[in-house]
PDB file of N, CA and C in Angstrom:
ATOM      1  N   LEU A   1       3.157   3.226   2.662  1.00  0.00           N
ATOM      2  CA  LEU A   1       4.102   2.420   1.905  1.00  0.00           C
ATOM      3  C   LEU A   1       4.482   3.135   0.627  1.00  0.00           C
ATOM      4  N   GLU A   2       5.527   2.657   0.000  1.00  0.00           N
ATOM      5  CA  GLU A   2       5.904   3.184  -1.294  1.00  0.00           C
ATOM      6  C   GLU A   2       4.875   2.749  -2.323  1.00  0.00           C
ATOM      7  N   GLY A   3       4.726   3.503  -3.366  1.00  0.00           N
ATOM      8  CA  GLY A   3       3.756   3.179  -4.408  1.00  0.00           C
ATOM      9  C   GLY A   3       2.510   4.016  -4.252  1.00  0.00           C
ATOM     10  N   GLU A   4       1.968   4.447  -5.391  1.00  0.00           N
ATOM     11  CA  GLU A   4       0.813   5.323  -5.322  1.00  0.00           C
ATOM     12  C   GLU A   4      -0.443   4.569  -4.911  1.00  0.00           C
ATOM     13  N   PRO A   5      -1.382   5.259  -4.272  1.00  0.00           N
ATOM     14  CA  PRO A   5      -2.644   4.623  -3.926  1.00  0.00           C
ATOM     15  C   PRO A   5      -3.449   4.310  -5.184  1.00  0.00           C
ATOM     16  N   VAL A   6      -4.375   3.410  -5.076  1.00  0.00           N
ATOM     17  CA  VAL A   6      -5.147   2.934  -6.211  1.00  0.00           C
ATOM     18  C   VAL A   6      -5.962   4.066  -6.846  1.00  0.00           C
ATOM     19  N   ALA A   7      -6.537   4.945  -6.046  1.00  0.00           N
ATOM     20  CA  ALA A   7      -7.355   6.031  -6.587  1.00  0.00           C
ATOM     21  C   ALA A   7      -6.533   6.975  -7.459  1.00  0.00           C
ATOM     22  N   ALA A   8      -5.277   7.198  -7.118  1.00  0.00           N
ATOM     23  CA  ALA A   8      -4.418   8.067  -7.925  1.00  0.00           C
ATOM     24  C   ALA A   8      -4.172   7.461  -9.303  1.00  0.00           C
ATOM     25  N   LEU A   9      -3.932   6.164  -9.363  1.00  0.00           N
ATOM     26  CA  LEU A   9      -3.754   5.490 -10.643  1.00  0.00           C
ATOM     27  C   LEU A   9      -5.037   5.578 -11.461  1.00  0.00           C
ATOM     28  N   TYR A  10      -6.149   5.302 -10.833  1.00  0.00           N
ATOM     29  CA  TYR A  10      -7.435   5.353 -11.535  1.00  0.00           C
ATOM     30  C   TYR A  10      -7.677   6.749 -12.114  1.00  0.00           C
ATOM     31  N   ALA A  11      -7.421   7.773 -11.327  1.00  0.00           N
ATOM     32  CA  ALA A  11      -7.653   9.144 -11.789  1.00  0.00           C
ATOM     33  C   ALA A  11      -6.766   9.488 -12.977  1.00  0.00           C
ATOM     34  N   SER A  12      -5.510   9.060 -12.943  1.00  0.00           N
ATOM     35  CA  SER A  12      -4.617   9.366 -14.064  1.00  0.00           C
ATOM     36  C   SER A  12      -5.028   8.606 -15.320  1.00  0.00           C
ATOM     37  N   LEU A  13      -5.518   7.396 -15.174  1.00  0.00           N
ATOM     38  CA  LEU A  13      -5.974   6.626 -16.336  1.00  0.00           C
ATOM     39  C   LEU A  13      -7.277   7.182 -16.891  1.00  0.00           C
ATOM     40  N   ALA A  14      -8.189   7.549 -16.019  1.00  0.00           N
ATOM     41  CA  ALA A  14      -9.489   8.039 -16.448  1.00  0.00           C
ATOM     42  C   ALA A  14      -9.388   9.403 -17.121  1.00  0.00           C
ATOM     43  N   ALA A  15      -8.345  10.157 -16.833  1.00  0.00           N
ATOM     44  CA  ALA A  15      -8.178  11.488 -17.412  1.00  0.00           C
ATOM     45  C   ALA A  15      -7.794  11.412 -18.895  1.00  0.00           C
ATOM     46  N   GLY A  16      -7.201  10.328 -19.316  1.00  0.00           N
ATOM     47  CA  GLY A  16      -6.781  10.189 -20.710  1.00  0.00           C
ATOM     48  C   GLY A  16      -7.931   9.750 -21.595  1.00  0.00           C
ATOM     49  N   ASP A  17      -7.959  10.236 -22.800  1.00  0.00           N
ATOM     50  CA  ASP A  17      -9.028   9.886 -23.746  1.00  0.00           C
ATOM     51  C   ASP A  17      -8.797   8.527 -24.400  1.00  0.00           C
ATOM     52  N   ARG A  18      -7.562   8.043 -24.370  1.00  0.00           N
ATOM     53  CA  ARG A  18      -7.224   6.827 -25.110  1.00  0.00           C
ATOM     54  C   ARG A  18      -7.644   5.535 -24.403  1.00  0.00           C
ATOM     55  N   ALA A  19      -7.896   5.586 -23.130  1.00  0.00           N
ATOM     56  CA  ALA A  19      -8.182   4.362 -22.366  1.00  0.00           C
ATOM     57  C   ALA A  19      -9.677   4.050 -22.365  1.00  0.00           C
ATOM     58  N   GLN A  20      -9.993   2.800 -22.510  1.00  0.00           N
ATOM     59  CA  GLN A  20     -11.370   2.321 -22.420  1.00  0.00           C
ATOM     60  C   GLN A  20     -11.669   1.978 -20.973  1.00  0.00           C
ATOM     61  N   SER A  21     -12.932   2.028 -20.600  1.00  0.00           N
ATOM     62  CA  SER A  21     -13.298   1.775 -19.203  1.00  0.00           C
ATOM     63  C   SER A  21     -12.901   0.368 -18.747  1.00  0.00           C
ATOM     64  N   ALA A  22     -12.988  -0.619 -19.620  1.00  0.00           N
ATOM     65  CA  ALA A  22     -12.600  -1.985 -19.240  1.00  0.00           C
ATOM     66  C   ALA A  22     -11.093  -2.050 -18.972  1.00  0.00           C
ATOM     67  N   THR A  23     -10.326  -1.326 -19.756  1.00  0.00           N
ATOM     68  CA  THR A  23      -8.878  -1.289 -19.560  1.00  0.00           C
ATOM     69  C   THR A  23      -8.533  -0.594 -18.254  1.00  0.00           C
ATOM     70  N   ILE A  24      -9.215   0.513 -17.988  1.00  0.00           N
ATOM     71  CA  ILE A  24      -8.995   1.241 -16.742  1.00  0.00           C
ATOM     72  C   ILE A  24      -9.306   0.344 -15.551  1.00  0.00           C
ATOM     73  N   LEU A  25     -10.416  -0.372 -15.618  1.00  0.00           N
ATOM     74  CA  LEU A  25     -10.803  -1.273 -14.535  1.00  0.00           C
ATOM     75  C   LEU A  25      -9.765  -2.370 -14.337  1.00  0.00           C
ATOM     76  N   ALA A  26      -9.311  -2.968 -15.420  1.00  0.00           N
ATOM     77  CA  ALA A  26      -8.330  -4.051 -15.320  1.00  0.00           C
ATOM     78  C   ALA A  26      -7.009  -3.551 -14.730  1.00  0.00           C
ATOM     79  N   LEU A  27      -6.544  -2.400 -15.192  1.00  0.00           N
ATOM     80  CA  LEU A  27      -5.295  -1.846 -14.665  1.00  0.00           C
ATOM     81  C   LEU A  27      -5.426  -1.461 -13.199  1.00  0.00           C
ATOM     82  N   THR A  28      -6.567  -0.904 -12.835  1.00  0.00           N
ATOM     83  CA  THR A  28      -6.798  -0.514 -11.451  1.00  0.00           C
ATOM     84  C   THR A  28      -6.850  -1.736 -10.539  1.00  0.00           C
ATOM     85  N   GLN A  29      -7.532  -2.785 -10.976  1.00  0.00           N
ATOM     86  CA  GLN A  29      -7.603  -4.010 -10.179  1.00  0.00           C
ATOM     87  C   GLN A  29      -6.233  -4.666 -10.038  1.00  0.00           C
ATOM     88  N   ALA A  30      -5.435  -4.629 -11.093  1.00  0.00           N
ATOM     89  CA  ALA A  30      -4.090  -5.205 -11.024  1.00  0.00           C
ATOM     90  C   ALA A  30      -3.223  -4.419 -10.043  1.00  0.00           C
ATOM     91  N   HIS A  31      -3.358  -3.102 -10.066  1.00  0.00           N
ATOM     92  CA  HIS A  31      -2.580  -2.280  -9.138  1.00  0.00           C
ATOM     93  C   HIS A  31      -3.033  -2.520  -7.695  1.00  0.00           C
ATOM     94  N   LEU A  32      -4.335  -2.663  -7.484  1.00  0.00           N
ATOM     95  CA  LEU A  32      -4.851  -2.967  -6.149  1.00  0.00           C
ATOM     96  C   LEU A  32      -4.264  -4.278  -5.638  1.00  0.00           C
ATOM     97  N   ALA A  33      -4.175  -5.270  -6.500  1.00  0.00           N
ATOM     98  CA  ALA A  33      -3.591  -6.558  -6.098  1.00  0.00           C
ATOM     99  C   ALA A  33      -2.111  -6.401  -5.745  1.00  0.00           C
ATOM    100  N   THR A  34      -1.389  -5.572  -6.491  1.00  0.00           N
ATOM    101  CA  THR A  34       0.025  -5.330  -6.214  1.00  0.00           C
ATOM    102  C   THR A  34       0.210  -4.631  -4.869  1.00  0.00           C
ATOM    103  N   VAL A  35      -0.608  -3.610  -4.618  1.00  0.00           N
ATOM    104  CA  VAL A  35      -0.542  -2.880  -3.349  1.00  0.00           C
ATOM    105  C   VAL A  35      -0.884  -3.813  -2.193  1.00  0.00           C
ATOM    106  N   ASP A  36      -1.936  -4.611  -2.354  1.00  0.00           N
ATOM    107  CA  ASP A  36      -2.347  -5.543  -1.305  1.00  0.00           C
ATOM    108  C   ASP A  36      -1.237  -6.555  -1.009  1.00  0.00           C
ATOM    109  N   GLN A  37      -0.597  -7.059  -2.047  1.00  0.00           N
ATOM    110  CA  GLN A  37       0.484  -8.029  -1.852  1.00  0.00           C
ATOM    111  C   GLN A  37       1.658  -7.399  -1.104  1.00  0.00           C
ATOM    112  N   ALA A  38       2.013  -6.167  -1.459  1.00  0.00           N
ATOM    113  CA  ALA A  38       3.108  -5.481  -0.769  1.00  0.00           C
ATOM    114  C   ALA A  38       2.762  -5.271   0.699  1.00  0.00           C
ATOM    115  N   GLN A  39       1.514  -4.937   0.970  1.00  0.00           N
ATOM    116  CA  GLN A  39       1.092  -4.749   2.361  1.00  0.00           C
ATOM    117  C   GLN A  39       1.115  -6.061   3.125  1.00  0.00           C
ATOM    118  N   GLN A  40       0.690  -7.133   2.501  1.00  0.00           N
ATOM    119  CA  GLN A  40       0.725  -8.437   3.165  1.00  0.00           C
ATOM    120  C   GLN A  40       2.160  -8.844   3.503  1.00  0.00           C
ATOM    121  N   GLN A  41       3.098  -8.546   2.602  1.00  0.00           N
ATOM    122  CA  GLN A  41       4.501  -8.859   2.867  1.00  0.00           C
ATOM    123  C   GLN A  41       5.020  -8.034   4.037  1.00  0.00           C
ATOM    124  N   LEU A  42       4.620  -6.773   4.095  1.00  0.00           N
ATOM    125  CA  LEU A  42       5.043  -5.930   5.209  1.00  0.00           C
ATOM    126  C   LEU A  42       4.460  -6.451   6.524  1.00  0.00           C
ATOM    127  N   VAL A  43       3.183  -6.796   6.517  1.00  0.00           N
ATOM    128  CA  VAL A  43       2.552  -7.319   7.737  1.00  0.00           C
ATOM    129  C   VAL A  43       3.258  -8.594   8.189  1.00  0.00           C
ATOM    130  N   ALA A  44       3.658  -9.437   7.256  1.00  0.00           N
ATOM    131  CA  ALA A  44       4.413 -10.648   7.611  1.00  0.00           C
ATOM    132  C   ALA A  44       5.761 -10.271   8.229  1.00  0.00           C
ATOM    133  N   SER A  45       6.415  -9.240   7.699  1.00  0.00           N
ATOM    134  CA  SER A  45       7.690  -8.775   8.266  1.00  0.00           C
ATOM    135  C   SER A  45       7.509  -8.204   9.662  1.00  0.00           C
ATOM    136  N   LEU A  46       6.369  -7.596   9.901  1.00  0.00           N
ATOM    137  CA  LEU A  46       6.091  -6.994  11.204  1.00  0.00           C
ATOM    138  C   LEU A  46       5.854  -8.037  12.294  1.00  0.00           C
ATOM    139  N   ALA A  47       5.627  -9.287  11.892  1.00  0.00           N
ATOM    140  CA  ALA A  47       5.361 -10.336  12.872  1.00  0.00           C
ATOM    141  C   ALA A  47       6.542 -10.540  13.819  1.00  0.00           C
ATOM    142  N   SER A  48       7.748 -10.228  13.360  1.00  0.00           N
ATOM    143  CA  SER A  48       8.922 -10.406  14.220  1.00  0.00           C
ATOM    144  C   SER A  48       9.136  -9.224  15.166  1.00  0.00           C
ATOM    145  N   HIS A  49       8.327  -8.203  15.038  1.00  0.00           N
ATOM    146  CA  HIS A  49       8.396  -7.032  15.918  1.00  0.00           C
ATOM    147  C   HIS A  49       7.174  -7.046  16.842  1.00  0.00           C
ATOM    148  N   ASP A  50       7.261  -6.341  17.902  1.00  0.00           N
ATOM    149  CA  ASP A  50       6.169  -6.309  18.886  1.00  0.00           C
ATOM    150  C   ASP A  50       5.174  -5.224  18.496  1.00  0.00           C
ATOM    151  N   VAL A  51       4.415  -5.473  17.410  1.00  0.00           N
ATOM    152  CA  VAL A  51       3.475  -4.462  16.903  1.00  0.00           C
ATOM    153  C   VAL A  51       2.084  -5.059  16.752  1.00  0.00           C
ATOM    154  N   GLN A  52       1.127  -4.164  16.724  1.00  0.00           N
ATOM    155  CA  GLN A  52      -0.259  -4.541  16.460  1.00  0.00           C
ATOM    156  C   GLN A  52      -0.688  -3.801  15.190  1.00  0.00           C
ATOM    157  N   VAL A  53      -1.136  -4.533  14.170  1.00  0.00           N
ATOM    158  CA  VAL A  53      -1.633  -3.907  12.947  1.00  0.00           C
ATOM    159  C   VAL A  53      -3.062  -3.445  13.226  1.00  0.00           C
ATOM    160  N   LEU A  54      -3.279  -2.141  13.074  1.00  0.00           N
ATOM    161  CA  LEU A  54      -4.599  -1.568  13.332  1.00  0.00           C
ATOM    162  C   LEU A  54      -5.495  -1.671  12.104  1.00  0.00           C
ATOM    163  N   TYR A  55      -4.972  -1.241  10.959  1.00  0.00           N
ATOM    164  CA  TYR A  55      -5.734  -1.345   9.713  1.00  0.00           C
ATOM    165  C   TYR A  55      -4.800  -1.126   8.526  1.00  0.00           C
ATOM    166  N   ARG A  56      -5.295  -1.483   7.346  1.00  0.00           N
ATOM    167  CA  ARG A  56      -4.574  -1.268   6.090  1.00  0.00           C
ATOM    168  C   ARG A  56      -5.497  -0.502   5.141  1.00  0.00           C
ATOM    169  N   VAL A  57      -4.934   0.393   4.361  1.00  0.00           N
ATOM    170  CA  VAL A  57      -5.699   1.135   3.356  1.00  0.00           C
ATOM    171  C   VAL A  57      -4.945   1.085   2.036  1.00  0.00           C
ATOM    172  N   GLN A  58      -5.698   1.023   0.937  1.00  0.00           N
ATOM    173  CA  GLN A  58      -5.063   0.906  -0.371  1.00  0.00           C
ATOM    174  C   GLN A  58      -5.577   1.926  -1.390  1.00  0.00           C
ATOM    175  N   ARG A  59      -6.794   2.353  -1.290  1.00  0.00           N
ATOM    176  CA  ARG A  59      -7.397   3.084  -2.396  1.00  0.00           C
ATOM    177  C   ARG A  59      -7.030   4.566  -2.448  1.00  0.00           C
ATOM    178  N   VAL A  60      -7.219   5.296  -1.388  1.00  0.00           N
ATOM    179  CA  VAL A  60      -6.924   6.722  -1.392  1.00  0.00           C
ATOM    180  C   VAL A  60      -5.534   6.991  -0.831  1.00  0.00           C
ATOM    181  N   TYR A  61      -5.080   6.151   0.041  1.00  0.00           N
ATOM    182  CA  TYR A  61      -3.757   6.243   0.640  1.00  0.00           C
ATOM    183  C   TYR A  61      -3.212   4.824   0.723  1.00  0.00           C
ATOM    184  N   ASN A  62      -1.952   4.651   0.439  1.00  0.00           N
ATOM    185  CA  ASN A  62      -1.331   3.335   0.517  1.00  0.00           C
ATOM    186  C   ASN A  62      -0.568   3.259   1.829  1.00  0.00           C
ATOM    187  N   GLY A  63      -1.149   2.578   2.818  1.00  0.00           N
ATOM    188  CA  GLY A  63      -0.466   2.509   4.093  1.00  0.00           C
ATOM    189  C   GLY A  63      -1.004   1.440   5.024  1.00  0.00           C
ATOM    190  N   VAL A  64      -0.217   1.193   6.053  1.00  0.00           N
ATOM    191  CA  VAL A  64      -0.567   0.252   7.114  1.00  0.00           C
ATOM    192  C   VAL A  64      -0.401   0.997   8.432  1.00  0.00           C
ATOM    193  N   ALA A  65      -1.470   1.059   9.210  1.00  0.00           N
ATOM    194  CA  ALA A  65      -1.406   1.705  10.519  1.00  0.00           C
ATOM    195  C   ALA A  65      -1.086   0.642  11.564  1.00  0.00           C
ATOM    196  N   ILE A  66      -0.099   0.950  12.398  1.00  0.00           N
ATOM    197  CA  ILE A  66       0.302   0.002  13.433  1.00  0.00           C
ATOM    198  C   ILE A  66       0.436   0.716  14.770  1.00  0.00           C
ATOM    199  N   TYR A  67       0.399  -0.070  15.811  1.00  0.00           N
ATOM    200  CA  TYR A  67       0.711   0.390  17.163  1.00  0.00           C
ATOM    201  C   TYR A  67       1.968  -0.358  17.559  1.00  0.00           C
ATOM    202  N   ALA A  68       3.040   0.408  17.841  1.00  0.00           N
ATOM    203  CA  ALA A  68       4.322  -0.221  18.132  1.00  0.00           C
ATOM    204  C   ALA A  68       5.019   0.481  19.287  1.00  0.00           C
ATOM    205  N   PRO A  69       5.811  -0.267  20.034  1.00  0.00           N
ATOM    206  CA  PRO A  69       6.623   0.354  21.080  1.00  0.00           C
ATOM    207  C   PRO A  69       7.651   1.295  20.443  1.00  0.00           C
ATOM    208  N   THR A  70       8.001   2.349  21.138  1.00  0.00           N
ATOM    209  CA  THR A  70       8.925   3.329  20.582  1.00  0.00           C
ATOM    210  C   THR A  70      10.297   2.745  20.270  1.00  0.00           C
ATOM    211  N   ASP A  71      10.705   1.708  20.984  1.00  0.00           N
ATOM    212  CA  ASP A  71      12.022   1.126  20.708  1.00  0.00           C
ATOM    213  C   ASP A  71      12.044   0.308  19.414  1.00  0.00           C
ATOM    214  N   GLN A  72      10.899   0.117  18.780  1.00  0.00           N
ATOM    215  CA  GLN A  72      10.816  -0.632  17.528  1.00  0.00           C
ATOM    216  C   GLN A  72      10.741   0.279  16.293  1.00  0.00           C
ATOM    217  N   ILE A  73      10.603   1.587  16.493  1.00  0.00           N
ATOM    218  CA  ILE A  73      10.363   2.503  15.372  1.00  0.00           C
ATOM    219  C   ILE A  73      11.501   2.470  14.354  1.00  0.00           C
ATOM    220  N   ALA A  74      12.717   2.537  14.783  1.00  0.00           N
ATOM    221  CA  ALA A  74      13.856   2.537  13.861  1.00  0.00           C
ATOM    222  C   ALA A  74      13.920   1.238  13.053  1.00  0.00           C
ATOM    223  N   ALA A  75      13.687   0.117  13.695  1.00  0.00           N
ATOM    224  CA  ALA A  75      13.705  -1.167  13.003  1.00  0.00           C
ATOM    225  C   ALA A  75      12.589  -1.267  11.978  1.00  0.00           C
ATOM    226  N   ILE A  76      11.418  -0.764  12.323  1.00  0.00           N
ATOM    227  CA  ILE A  76      10.294  -0.797  11.398  1.00  0.00           C
ATOM    228  C   ILE A  76      10.533   0.148  10.228  1.00  0.00           C
ATOM    229  N   ALA A  77      11.073   1.329  10.491  1.00  0.00           N
ATOM    230  CA  ALA A  77      11.358   2.291   9.433  1.00  0.00           C
ATOM    231  C   ALA A  77      12.393   1.759   8.440  1.00  0.00           C
ATOM    232  N   ALA A  78      13.223   0.838   8.882  1.00  0.00           N
ATOM    233  CA  ALA A  78      14.259   0.267   8.018  1.00  0.00           C
ATOM    234  C   ALA A  78      13.753  -0.883   7.142  1.00  0.00           C
ATOM    235  N   LEU A  79      12.529  -1.335   7.356  1.00  0.00           N
ATOM    236  CA  LEU A  79      11.986  -2.427   6.564  1.00  0.00           C
ATOM    237  C   LEU A  79      11.801  -1.980   5.110  1.00  0.00           C
ATOM    238  N   PRO A  80      11.972  -2.906   4.150  1.00  0.00           N
ATOM    239  CA  PRO A  80      11.796  -2.568   2.739  1.00  0.00           C
ATOM    240  C   PRO A  80      10.369  -2.055   2.474  1.00  0.00           C
ATOM    241  N   GLY A  81      10.283  -0.979   1.710  1.00  0.00           N
ATOM    242  CA  GLY A  81       8.984  -0.439   1.326  1.00  0.00           C
ATOM    243  C   GLY A  81       8.409   0.557   2.313  1.00  0.00           C
ATOM    244  N   VAL A  82       9.074   0.783   3.440  1.00  0.00           N
ATOM    245  CA  VAL A  82       8.574   1.714   4.454  1.00  0.00           C
ATOM    246  C   VAL A  82       9.309   3.039   4.282  1.00  0.00           C
ATOM    247  N   PRO A  83       8.631   4.062   3.726  1.00  0.00           N
ATOM    248  CA  PRO A  83       9.313   5.340   3.539  1.00  0.00           C
ATOM    249  C   PRO A  83       9.376   6.188   4.803  1.00  0.00           C
ATOM    250  N   ALA A  84       8.449   5.972   5.725  1.00  0.00           N
ATOM    251  CA  ALA A  84       8.426   6.770   6.964  1.00  0.00           C
ATOM    252  C   ALA A  84       7.684   6.015   8.041  1.00  0.00           C
TER     253      ALA A  84
END
């Protein structure tokens, strides 16, 4: 999906000297919630297609793995938030 994975955000925040650990944790948790919500919306959109959701990942990679018939690929690729 579009949007960086949670680990990438955490790494960029942790690299800066200005951020406190509590702030880093709060920002990371908020981003995780945003990524999870976007994935849930995509999974709801996929309900109208003949697909099986295999798994979702948020931390190191932001994506949803699905099993879909080949005739559905173009329609799925056109869904909002799906870059490929």
